[in-house]
C-alpha atoms as a PDB file:
ATOM      1  CA  MET A   1      58.770 -28.979 -38.878  1.00  0.00           C
ATOM      2  CA  ASP A   2      56.551 -26.337 -40.557  1.00  0.00           C
ATOM      3  CA  LEU A   3      53.062 -27.624 -40.882  1.00  0.00           C
ATOM      4  CA  GLN A   4      52.229 -25.485 -43.773  1.00  0.00           C
ATOM      5  CA  ALA A   5      55.252 -26.788 -45.732  1.00  0.00           C
ATOM      6  CA  LEU A   6      54.098 -30.376 -44.985  1.00  0.00           C
ATOM      7  CA  LYS A   7      50.591 -29.439 -46.193  1.00  0.00           C
ATOM      8  CA  ILE A   8      52.213 -28.053 -49.214  1.00  0.00           C
ATOM      9  CA  PHE A   9      54.135 -31.193 -49.815  1.00  0.00           C
ATOM     10  CA  LYS A  10      51.276 -33.544 -49.226  1.00  0.00           C
ATOM     11  CA  ALA A  11      49.107 -31.431 -51.848  1.00  0.00           C
ATOM     12  CA  VAL A  12      51.884 -31.908 -54.541  1.00  0.00           C
ATOM     13  CA  ALA A  13      52.131 -35.581 -53.624  1.00  0.00           C
ATOM     14  CA  ASP A  14      48.243 -36.072 -53.805  1.00  0.00           C
ATOM     15  CA  GLU A  15      47.896 -34.029 -57.110  1.00  0.00           C
ATOM     16  CA  GLY A  16      50.968 -35.128 -58.926  1.00  0.00           C
ATOM     17  CA  GLY A  17      52.116 -31.721 -59.786  1.00  0.00           C
ATOM     18  CA  ILE A  18      52.808 -28.069 -58.643  1.00  0.00           C
ATOM     19  CA  ALA A  19      50.056 -26.512 -60.712  1.00  0.00           C
ATOM     20  CA  ARG A  20      47.321 -28.710 -59.369  1.00  0.00           C
ATOM     21  CA  ALA A  21      48.473 -28.455 -55.985  1.00  0.00           C
ATOM     22  CA  ALA A  22      48.485 -24.627 -56.114  1.00  0.00           C
ATOM     23  CA  THR A  23      44.910 -24.564 -57.274  1.00  0.00           C
ATOM     24  CA  VAL A  24      43.869 -27.104 -54.627  1.00  0.00           C
ATOM     25  CA  LEU A  25      45.658 -24.793 -52.087  1.00  0.00           C
ATOM     26  CA  ASN A  26      44.410 -21.739 -53.765  1.00  0.00           C
ATOM     27  CA  CYS A  27      47.866 -20.145 -53.824  1.00  0.00           C
ATOM     28  CA  VAL A  28      50.408 -19.133 -56.672  1.00  0.00           C
ATOM     29  CA  GLN A  29      52.726 -21.719 -58.237  1.00  0.00           C
ATOM     30  CA  SER A  30      55.764 -19.879 -57.248  1.00  0.00           C
ATOM     31  CA  ASN A  31      54.866 -20.185 -53.685  1.00  0.00           C
ATOM     32  CA  VAL A  32      54.361 -23.965 -53.961  1.00  0.00           C
ATOM     33  CA  SER A  33      57.750 -24.343 -55.644  1.00  0.00           C
ATOM     34  CA  THR A  34      59.707 -22.203 -53.201  1.00  0.00           C
ATOM     35  CA  ARG A  35      58.326 -23.948 -50.206  1.00  0.00           C
ATOM     36  CA  LEU A  36      58.995 -27.280 -51.701  1.00  0.00           C
ATOM     37  CA  ARG A  37      62.530 -26.591 -52.353  1.00  0.00           C
ATOM     38  CA  GLN A  38      63.007 -25.104 -48.953  1.00  0.00           C
ATOM     39  CA  LEU A  39      61.692 -28.263 -47.338  1.00  0.00           C
ATOM     40  CA  GLU A  40      63.864 -30.384 -49.565  1.00  0.00           C
ATOM     41  CA  ALA A  41      67.000 -28.084 -48.532  1.00  0.00           C
ATOM     42  CA  ARG A  42      66.059 -28.276 -44.919  1.00  0.00           C
ATOM     43  CA  LEU A  43      65.628 -32.128 -44.851  1.00  0.00           C
ATOM     44  CA  GLY A  44      68.812 -32.700 -47.137  1.00  0.00           C
ATOM     45  CA  ILE A  45      66.760 -35.008 -49.346  1.00  0.00           C
ATOM     46  CA  GLN A  46      65.082 -35.047 -52.821  1.00  0.00           C
ATOM     47  CA  LEU A  47      61.302 -35.530 -52.275  1.00  0.00           C
ATOM     48  CA  PHE A  48      60.320 -35.637 -55.944  1.00  0.00           C
ATOM     49  CA  TYR A  49      61.725 -36.734 -59.351  1.00  0.00           C
ATOM     50  CA  ARG A  50      61.310 -34.448 -62.146  1.00  0.00           C
ATOM     51  CA  VAL A  51      60.139 -36.655 -65.061  1.00  0.00           C
ATOM     52  CA  ASN A  52      58.835 -35.273 -68.316  1.00  0.00           C
ATOM     53  CA  GLY A  53      57.215 -32.406 -66.652  1.00  0.00           C
ATOM     54  CA  ARG A  54      55.663 -34.427 -63.743  1.00  0.00           C
ATOM     55  CA  LEU A  55      56.636 -34.909 -60.210  1.00  0.00           C
ATOM     56  CA  VAL A  56      57.067 -38.558 -59.169  1.00  0.00           C
ATOM     57  CA  ILE A  57      57.649 -39.037 -55.448  1.00  0.00           C
ATOM     58  CA  THR A  58      60.845 -40.690 -54.164  1.00  0.00           C
ATOM     59  CA  ASN A  59      61.227 -43.416 -51.647  1.00  0.00           C
ATOM     60  CA  GLU A  60      62.310 -40.723 -48.994  1.00  0.00           C
ATOM     61  CA  GLY A  61      59.324 -38.548 -50.201  1.00  0.00           C
ATOM     62  CA  SER A  62      56.862 -41.636 -49.461  1.00  0.00           C
ATOM     63  CA  GLN A  63      58.332 -42.224 -45.984  1.00  0.00           C
ATOM     64  CA  LEU A  64      57.842 -38.301 -45.253  1.00  0.00           C
ATOM     65  CA  LEU A  65      54.495 -38.487 -46.551  1.00  0.00           C
ATOM     66  CA  GLY A  66      53.141 -41.040 -44.113  1.00  0.00           C
ATOM     67  CA  TYR A  67      54.583 -39.002 -41.191  1.00  0.00           C
ATOM     68  CA  ALA A  68      53.249 -35.617 -42.861  1.00  0.00           C
ATOM     69  CA  GLU A  69      49.650 -37.094 -42.956  1.00  0.00           C
ATOM     70  CA  ARG A  70      49.868 -38.193 -39.167  1.00  0.00           C
ATOM     71  CA  MET A  71      51.135 -34.747 -38.241  1.00  0.00           C
ATOM     72  CA  LEU A  72      48.427 -32.758 -40.017  1.00  0.00           C
ATOM     73  CA  GLN A  73      45.836 -35.023 -38.627  1.00  0.00           C
ATOM     74  CA  LEU A  74      47.182 -34.500 -35.244  1.00  0.00           C
ATOM     75  CA  ALA A  75      47.290 -30.734 -35.619  1.00  0.00           C
ATOM     76  CA  ASP A  76      43.828 -30.865 -36.994  1.00  0.00           C
ATOM     77  CA  GLU A  77      42.399 -32.836 -34.092  1.00  0.00           C
ATOM     78  CA  ALA A  78      44.199 -30.417 -31.550  1.00  0.00           C
ATOM     79  CA  ARG A  79      42.667 -27.447 -33.301  1.00  0.00           C
ATOM     80  CA  SER A  80      39.164 -29.152 -33.327  1.00  0.00           C
ATOM     81  CA  VAL A  81      39.437 -29.782 -29.374  1.00  0.00           C
ATOM     82  CA  VAL A  82      40.806 -26.275 -28.495  1.00  0.00           C
ATOM     83  CA  ARG A  83      38.228 -24.292 -30.720  1.00  0.00           C
ATOM     84  CA  GLY A  84      35.358 -26.672 -29.942  1.00  0.00           C
ATOM     85  CA  GLY A  85      35.519 -26.619 -26.149  1.00  0.00           C
ATOM     86  CA  GLY A  86      35.038 -30.205 -26.186  1.00  0.00           C
ATOM     87  CA  GLU A  87      32.413 -30.432 -28.763  1.00  0.00           C
ATOM     88  CA  PRO A  88      33.395 -32.447 -31.941  1.00  0.00           C
ATOM     89  CA  VAL A  89      34.144 -30.120 -34.811  1.00  0.00           C
ATOM     90  CA  GLY A  90      36.471 -30.303 -37.700  1.00  0.00           C
ATOM     91  CA  LYS A  91      36.569 -32.970 -40.581  1.00  0.00           C
ATOM     92  CA  LEU A  92      35.676 -36.588 -40.155  1.00  0.00           C
ATOM     93  CA  ARG A  93      36.451 -38.856 -43.236  1.00  0.00           C
ATOM     94  CA  ILE A  94      34.365 -41.861 -43.440  1.00  0.00           C
ATOM     95  CA  GLY A  95      34.864 -45.065 -45.556  1.00  0.00           C
ATOM     96  CA  ALA A  96      32.185 -47.760 -46.367  1.00  0.00           C
ATOM     97  CA  THR A  97      31.127 -50.175 -48.706  1.00  0.00           C
ATOM     98  CA  GLU A  98      28.238 -49.279 -51.353  1.00  0.00           C
ATOM     99  CA  ALA A  99      26.126 -51.968 -49.724  1.00  0.00           C
ATOM    100  CA  THR A 100      26.700 -50.406 -46.199  1.00  0.00           C
ATOM    101  CA  THR A 101      26.323 -46.993 -47.367  1.00  0.00           C
ATOM    102  CA  ALA A 102      23.103 -47.542 -49.021  1.00  0.00           C
ATOM    103  CA  ALA A 103      21.417 -49.838 -46.336  1.00  0.00           C
ATOM    104  CA  ARG A 104      22.330 -47.905 -43.209  1.00  0.00           C
ATOM    105  CA  LEU A 105      24.308 -44.815 -43.319  1.00  0.00           C
ATOM    106  CA  PRO A 106      21.723 -42.275 -44.648  1.00  0.00           C
ATOM    107  CA  ARG A 107      19.739 -42.140 -41.487  1.00  0.00           C
ATOM    108  CA  MET A 108      22.774 -42.505 -39.125  1.00  0.00           C
ATOM    109  CA  LEU A 109      24.624 -39.681 -40.892  1.00  0.00           C
ATOM    110  CA  ALA A 110      21.519 -37.490 -40.609  1.00  0.00           C
ATOM    111  CA  ASP A 111      21.242 -38.137 -36.838  1.00  0.00           C
ATOM    112  CA  PHE A 112      24.905 -37.464 -36.475  1.00  0.00           C
ATOM    113  CA  HIS A 113      24.896 -34.306 -38.361  1.00  0.00           C
ATOM    114  CA  GLN A 114      21.748 -33.054 -36.424  1.00  0.00           C
ATOM    115  CA  ARG A 115      23.858 -33.759 -32.951  1.00  0.00           C
ATOM    116  CA  TYR A 116      27.360 -32.535 -34.177  1.00  0.00           C
ATOM    117  CA  PRO A 117      26.549 -29.965 -36.856  1.00  0.00           C
ATOM    118  CA  LYS A 118      30.073 -28.528 -36.529  1.00  0.00           C
ATOM    119  CA  VAL A 119      31.602 -31.843 -37.818  1.00  0.00           C
ATOM    120  CA  ASP A 120      32.284 -31.751 -41.444  1.00  0.00           C
ATOM    121  CA  MET A 121      31.948 -35.318 -42.896  1.00  0.00           C
ATOM    122  CA  ALA A 122      33.225 -36.696 -46.078  1.00  0.00           C
ATOM    123  CA  ILE A 123      32.068 -40.157 -47.357  1.00  0.00           C
ATOM    124  CA  GLU A 124      34.180 -42.285 -49.434  1.00  0.00           C
ATOM    125  CA  THR A 125      32.888 -45.602 -50.838  1.00  0.00           C
ATOM    126  CA  GLY A 126      34.957 -48.452 -52.380  1.00  0.00           C
ATOM    127  CA  SER A 127      35.950 -52.064 -51.801  1.00  0.00           C
ATOM    128  CA  ILE A 128      36.927 -53.388 -48.435  1.00  0.00           C
ATOM    129  CA  GLU A 129      40.516 -53.494 -49.506  1.00  0.00           C
ATOM    130  CA  GLN A 130      40.426 -49.707 -50.685  1.00  0.00           C
ATOM    131  CA  ILE A 131      38.869 -48.752 -47.607  1.00  0.00           C
ATOM    132  CA  MET A 132      41.231 -50.439 -45.405  1.00  0.00           C
ATOM    133  CA  HIS A 133      44.186 -48.816 -47.382  1.00  0.00           C
ATOM    134  CA  GLY A 134      42.649 -45.534 -46.732  1.00  0.00           C
ATOM    135  CA  VAL A 135      42.539 -46.095 -42.976  1.00  0.00           C
ATOM    136  CA  ILE A 136      46.018 -47.334 -42.888  1.00  0.00           C
ATOM    137  CA  GLY A 137      47.303 -44.475 -45.133  1.00  0.00           C
ATOM    138  CA  TYR A 138      45.543 -41.763 -42.970  1.00  0.00           C
ATOM    139  CA  ARG A 139      43.279 -40.891 -45.833  1.00  0.00           C
ATOM    140  CA  LEU A 140      40.186 -42.099 -43.631  1.00  0.00           C
ATOM    141  CA  ASP A 141      39.707 -41.431 -40.142  1.00  0.00           C
ATOM    142  CA  ILE A 142      37.179 -44.487 -39.735  1.00  0.00           C
ATOM    143  CA  ALA A 143      35.640 -47.254 -41.729  1.00  0.00           C
ATOM    144  CA  LEU A 144      32.534 -49.355 -41.602  1.00  0.00           C
ATOM    145  CA  VAL A 145      33.262 -52.755 -43.119  1.00  0.00           C
ATOM    146  CA  PRO A 146      31.403 -56.124 -43.285  1.00  0.00           C
ATOM    147  CA  ALA A 147      34.316 -58.401 -42.661  1.00  0.00           C
ATOM    148  CA  PRO A 148      37.010 -59.092 -39.910  1.00  0.00           C
ATOM    149  CA  VAL A 149      40.172 -57.054 -40.021  1.00  0.00           C
ATOM    150  CA  VAL A 150      43.531 -58.680 -40.046  1.00  0.00           C
ATOM    151  CA  SER A 151      46.173 -55.812 -39.336  1.00  0.00           C
ATOM    152  CA  ASP A 152      48.374 -54.924 -36.538  1.00  0.00           C
ATOM    153  CA  GLU A 153      47.954 -51.254 -37.416  1.00  0.00           C
ATOM    154  CA  LEU A 154      43.956 -51.194 -37.019  1.00  0.00           C
ATOM    155  CA  ALA A 155      41.648 -51.512 -34.175  1.00  0.00           C
ATOM    156  CA  GLU A 156      38.034 -52.612 -34.607  1.00  0.00           C
ATOM    157  CA  GLU A 157      34.688 -52.773 -32.686  1.00  0.00           C
ATOM    158  CA  VAL A 158      31.493 -54.220 -33.754  1.00  0.00           C
ATOM    159  CA  ALA A 159      29.048 -51.618 -34.964  1.00  0.00           C
ATOM    160  CA  PHE A 160      25.762 -53.628 -35.750  1.00  0.00           C
ATOM    161  CA  ASP A 161      24.488 -56.906 -37.178  1.00  0.00           C
ATOM    162  CA  GLU A 162      22.966 -56.644 -40.509  1.00  0.00           C
ATOM    163  CA  GLU A 163      20.647 -59.294 -41.729  1.00  0.00           C
ATOM    164  CA  LEU A 164      21.046 -60.341 -45.402  1.00  0.00           C
ATOM    165  CA  LEU A 165      18.130 -61.650 -47.574  1.00  0.00           C
ATOM    166  CA  LEU A 166      18.190 -63.504 -50.760  1.00  0.00           C
ATOM    167  CA  ILE A 167      16.074 -61.725 -53.483  1.00  0.00           C
ATOM    168  CA  THR A 168      14.766 -63.218 -56.545  1.00  0.00           C
ATOM    169  CA  ASP A 169      12.094 -62.286 -59.243  1.00  0.00           C
ATOM    170  CA  HIS A 170       8.520 -63.016 -58.309  1.00  0.00           C
ATOM    171  CA  SER A 171       8.302 -66.137 -60.642  1.00  0.00           C
ATOM    172  CA  HIS A 172      11.181 -67.816 -58.750  1.00  0.00           C
ATOM    173  CA  PRO A 173       9.962 -70.771 -56.598  1.00  0.00           C
ATOM    174  CA  VAL A 174      10.556 -70.517 -52.745  1.00  0.00           C
ATOM    175  CA  VAL A 175      14.101 -71.120 -51.732  1.00  0.00           C
ATOM    176  CA  THR A 176      14.588 -73.552 -48.899  1.00  0.00           C
ATOM    177  CA  SER A 177      18.153 -74.523 -49.632  1.00  0.00           C
ATOM    178  CA  ALA A 178      21.079 -74.044 -51.780  1.00  0.00           C
ATOM    179  CA  GLU A 179      19.817 -76.820 -54.079  1.00  0.00           C
ATOM    180  CA  ASP A 180      17.079 -74.456 -55.161  1.00  0.00           C
ATOM    181  CA  LEU A 181      19.636 -72.039 -56.689  1.00  0.00           C
ATOM    182  CA  ARG A 182      21.079 -74.539 -58.918  1.00  0.00           C
ATOM    183  CA  ASN A 183      22.336 -72.844 -62.421  1.00  0.00           C
ATOM    184  CA  CYS A 184      21.344 -69.340 -60.954  1.00  0.00           C
ATOM    185  CA  SER A 185      23.341 -66.162 -61.690  1.00  0.00           C
ATOM    186  CA  PHE A 186      24.454 -64.038 -58.927  1.00  0.00           C
ATOM    187  CA  LEU A 187      24.218 -60.344 -59.125  1.00  0.00           C
ATOM    188  CA  ALA A 188      26.991 -58.725 -56.899  1.00  0.00           C
ATOM    189  CA  PHE A 189      28.225 -55.355 -55.687  1.00  0.00           C
ATOM    190  CA  ARG A 190      31.305 -54.403 -57.935  1.00  0.00           C
ATOM    191  CA  SER A 191      33.102 -53.030 -54.849  1.00  0.00           C
ATOM    192  CA  ASP A 192      32.069 -55.400 -52.159  1.00  0.00           C
ATOM    193  CA  GLY A 193      32.923 -58.922 -52.471  1.00  0.00           C
ATOM    194  CA  SER A 194      31.600 -60.090 -49.013  1.00  0.00           C
ATOM    195  CA  HIS A 195      28.024 -60.866 -50.260  1.00  0.00           C
ATOM    196  CA  ARG A 196      29.515 -62.745 -53.217  1.00  0.00           C
ATOM    197  CA  ALA A 197      31.841 -64.665 -50.981  1.00  0.00           C
ATOM    198  CA  ARG A 198      28.951 -65.715 -48.664  1.00  0.00           C
ATOM    199  CA  PHE A 199      26.803 -66.831 -51.593  1.00  0.00           C
ATOM    200  CA  GLU A 200      29.363 -68.697 -53.331  1.00  0.00           C
ATOM    201  CA  SER A 201      30.489 -70.483 -50.006  1.00  0.00           C
ATOM    202  CA  TRP A 202      26.639 -71.372 -49.462  1.00  0.00           C
ATOM    203  CA  LEU A 203      26.517 -73.040 -53.010  1.00  0.00           C
ATOM    204  CA  GLU A 204      29.750 -74.694 -52.490  1.00  0.00           C
ATOM    205  CA  SER A 205      28.489 -76.462 -49.257  1.00  0.00           C
ATOM    206  CA  ALA A 206      25.914 -78.138 -51.658  1.00  0.00           C
ATOM    207  CA  GLY A 207      28.524 -78.957 -54.548  1.00  0.00           C
ATOM    208  CA  LEU A 208      27.217 -76.055 -56.513  1.00  0.00           C
ATOM    209  CA  LYS A 209      28.407 -72.803 -58.047  1.00  0.00           C
ATOM    210  CA  PRO A 210      26.716 -69.768 -59.606  1.00  0.00           C
ATOM    211  CA  ARG A 211      26.187 -70.296 -63.397  1.00  0.00           C
ATOM    212  CA  ILE A 212      27.903 -66.611 -63.788  1.00  0.00           C
ATOM    213  CA  VAL A 213      28.511 -63.647 -61.479  1.00  0.00           C
ATOM    214  CA  LEU A 214      27.565 -60.260 -62.649  1.00  0.00           C
ATOM    215  CA  GLU A 215      28.865 -57.085 -61.109  1.00  0.00           C
ATOM    216  CA  PHE A 216      27.084 -53.903 -60.661  1.00  0.00           C
ATOM    217  CA  GLY A 217      27.830 -50.476 -58.926  1.00  0.00           C
ATOM    218  CA  ALA A 218      24.471 -49.412 -57.401  1.00  0.00           C
ATOM    219  CA  PRO A 219      22.119 -51.421 -55.219  1.00  0.00           C
ATOM    220  CA  GLU A 220      19.127 -49.934 -57.394  1.00  0.00           C
ATOM    221  CA  VAL A 221      20.415 -51.450 -60.488  1.00  0.00           C
ATOM    222  CA  ILE A 222      21.052 -54.838 -58.916  1.00  0.00           C
ATOM    223  CA  ILE A 223      17.317 -55.004 -57.499  1.00  0.00           C
ATOM    224  CA  ALA A 224      15.905 -53.905 -60.938  1.00  0.00           C
ATOM    225  CA  CYS A 225      17.993 -56.536 -62.811  1.00  0.00           C
ATOM    226  CA  VAL A 226      16.758 -59.185 -60.140  1.00  0.00           C
ATOM    227  CA  GLY A 227      13.252 -58.197 -60.491  1.00  0.00           C
ATOM    228  CA  ALA A 228      13.536 -58.576 -64.213  1.00  0.00           C
ATOM    229  CA  GLY A 229      14.803 -62.127 -63.856  1.00  0.00           C
ATOM    230  CA  MET A 230      18.568 -61.771 -64.509  1.00  0.00           C
ATOM    231  CA  GLY A 231      19.559 -63.514 -61.336  1.00  0.00           C
ATOM    232  CA  VAL A 232      19.484 -63.560 -57.741  1.00  0.00           C
ATOM    233  CA  SER A 233      21.361 -61.483 -54.935  1.00  0.00           C
ATOM    234  CA  LEU A 234      21.920 -60.992 -51.304  1.00  0.00           C
ATOM    235  CA  MET A 235      20.693 -57.529 -50.027  1.00  0.00           C
ATOM    236  CA  PRO A 236      20.615 -56.185 -46.418  1.00  0.00           C
ATOM    237  CA  ARG A 237      17.039 -56.400 -44.776  1.00  0.00           C
ATOM    238  CA  SER A 238      17.214 -52.603 -43.778  1.00  0.00           C
ATOM    239  CA  LEU A 239      17.733 -51.686 -47.472  1.00  0.00           C
ATOM    240  CA  ILE A 240      14.809 -53.704 -48.539  1.00  0.00           C
ATOM    241  CA  GLU A 241      12.498 -52.587 -45.860  1.00  0.00           C
ATOM    242  CA  ARG A 242      13.113 -48.841 -46.664  1.00  0.00           C
ATOM    243  CA  ARG A 243      11.788 -49.290 -50.008  1.00  0.00           C
ATOM    244  CA  ASP A 244       8.445 -50.437 -51.383  1.00  0.00           C
ATOM    245  CA  LEU A 245       9.551 -53.393 -53.447  1.00  0.00           C
ATOM    246  CA  THR A 246       6.793 -56.024 -53.060  1.00  0.00           C
ATOM    247  CA  ASN A 247       5.847 -55.762 -56.796  1.00  0.00           C
ATOM    248  CA  VAL A 248       9.549 -55.862 -57.805  1.00  0.00           C
ATOM    249  CA  ILE A 249      11.147 -58.761 -56.038  1.00  0.00           C
ATOM    250  CA  LYS A 250      10.628 -61.765 -53.797  1.00  0.00           C
ATOM    251  CA  CYS A 251      12.702 -62.066 -50.581  1.00  0.00           C
ATOM    252  CA  HIS A 252      13.526 -65.397 -49.120  1.00  0.00           C
ATOM    253  CA  ALA A 253      15.192 -65.931 -45.575  1.00  0.00           C
ATOM    254  CA  VAL A 254      18.590 -67.865 -45.664  1.00  0.00           C
ATOM    255  CA  VAL A 255      20.559 -70.096 -43.349  1.00  0.00           C
ATOM    256  CA  PRO A 256      21.894 -67.891 -40.391  1.00  0.00           C
ATOM    257  CA  ASP A 257      25.776 -68.471 -41.640  1.00  0.00           C
ATOM    258  CA  VAL A 258      24.741 -66.567 -44.907  1.00  0.00           C
ATOM    259  CA  ALA A 259      22.250 -64.258 -43.160  1.00  0.00           C
ATOM    260  CA  ARG A 260      24.183 -62.714 -40.305  1.00  0.00           C
ATOM    261  CA  ASN A 261      26.499 -60.053 -41.450  1.00  0.00           C
ATOM    262  CA  GLN A 262      28.463 -58.232 -38.874  1.00  0.00           C
ATOM    263  CA  VAL A 263      29.513 -54.767 -39.572  1.00  0.00           C
ATOM    264  CA  ARG A 264      32.626 -53.198 -37.848  1.00  0.00           C
ATOM    265  CA  PHE A 265      34.164 -49.964 -36.994  1.00  0.00           C
ATOM    266  CA  VAL A 266      37.764 -49.870 -38.253  1.00  0.00           C
ATOM    267  CA  TRP A 267      40.346 -47.057 -37.123  1.00  0.00           C
ATOM    268  CA  ARG A 268      44.008 -46.820 -36.504  1.00  0.00           C
ATOM    269  CA  LYS A 269      45.558 -47.886 -33.340  1.00  0.00           C
ATOM    270  CA  ASP A 270      48.059 -45.035 -33.192  1.00  0.00           C
ATOM    271  CA  ILE A 271      45.346 -42.454 -33.190  1.00  0.00           C
ATOM    272  CA  ALA A 272      43.943 -43.193 -29.794  1.00  0.00           C
ATOM    273  CA  GLN A 273      41.847 -40.073 -29.320  1.00  0.00           C
ATOM    274  CA  HIS A 274      39.778 -38.230 -32.028  1.00  0.00           C
ATOM    275  CA  SER A 275      36.878 -36.244 -30.822  1.00  0.00           C
ATOM    276  CA  ALA A 276      34.782 -36.517 -33.985  1.00  0.00           C
ATOM    277  CA  ARG A 277      35.465 -40.114 -34.500  1.00  0.00           C
ATOM    278  CA  ASP A 278      34.788 -41.051 -31.244  1.00  0.00           C
ATOM    279  CA  ALA A 279      31.399 -39.164 -31.282  1.00  0.00           C
ATOM    280  CA  PHE A 280      30.602 -40.958 -34.410  1.00  0.00           C
ATOM    281  CA  ILE A 281      31.194 -44.414 -32.989  1.00  0.00           C
ATOM    282  CA  ARG A 282      28.927 -43.540 -29.839  1.00  0.00           C
ATOM    283  CA  SER A 283      26.230 -42.013 -32.098  1.00  0.00           C
ATOM    284  CA  LEU A 284      25.993 -44.980 -34.567  1.00  0.00           C
ATOM    285  CA  LYS A 285      26.027 -47.566 -31.763  1.00  0.00           C
ATOM    286  CA  GLY A 286      23.286 -45.591 -29.995  1.00  0.00           C
ATOM    287  CA  HIS A 287      21.463 -45.430 -33.381  1.00  0.00           C
ATOM    288  CA  GLY A 288      21.839 -49.310 -33.639  1.00  0.00           C
ATOM    289  CA  LEU A 289      20.416 -49.767 -30.106  1.00  0.00           C
ATOM    290  CA  ARG A 290      17.371 -47.669 -30.840  1.00  0.00           C
ATOM    291  CA  ALA A 291      16.657 -49.422 -34.276  1.00  0.00           C
ATOM    292  CA  SER A 292      16.731 -52.852 -32.482  1.00  0.00           C
END
């Protein structure tokens, strides 16, 4: 099957139209239309419905899209290996939650880029569910998630342990148990529910629940709001220690079940070899050992 035709088909599916796909592919619309019609004729199926000037992918098109993404990924991997002479090259699409990205990835990505400058990294952040769907759907090559993975399609491996700290404003009394957090509001990452789940489980063990849960998109906003007395939150120790926050917040150790946050690598089982991904795993695990 023609890889270029599959690339055009995937672009049309991703962009939802021929004009936008042509822009992404840097080619004329007539070429996209012609190649799409040829692919449909060759397969004997309709890949898109034409609805009010838009293209809506058919069920058969959705099935083909999964195979197209896999074939294009394998072709890219083959080119990377051959051209690189064994050195990782090409694109590496990484997914992670906001908390993991802010706490750990900057230094790790910098080290990886220095060692493997021919790898073109793309970082996508989102909720654990969004990231998992990205890996399952071949949009991401690897993900870092702070939760166990339950999927027959995915493989996982421990990346590193991350300690979580409870943060409060300076006027808050020392926290020694969940009872000390009665009637507190919890400030959570909008895209990462794992910290919120840990906090709520901790309070439930004492028969309590947060007064209210407020969601934010960036750790800097959460820290500033905690420092202003809006509520409390859980933050990775590595994120706190990289910033001088002694005049902004107070940090409290919490019970091990809440504090210990194990972050995992996740990738598709059917992609057994991927030079850039495998180098990324080795690099981050080595970075974790050096950091510890």
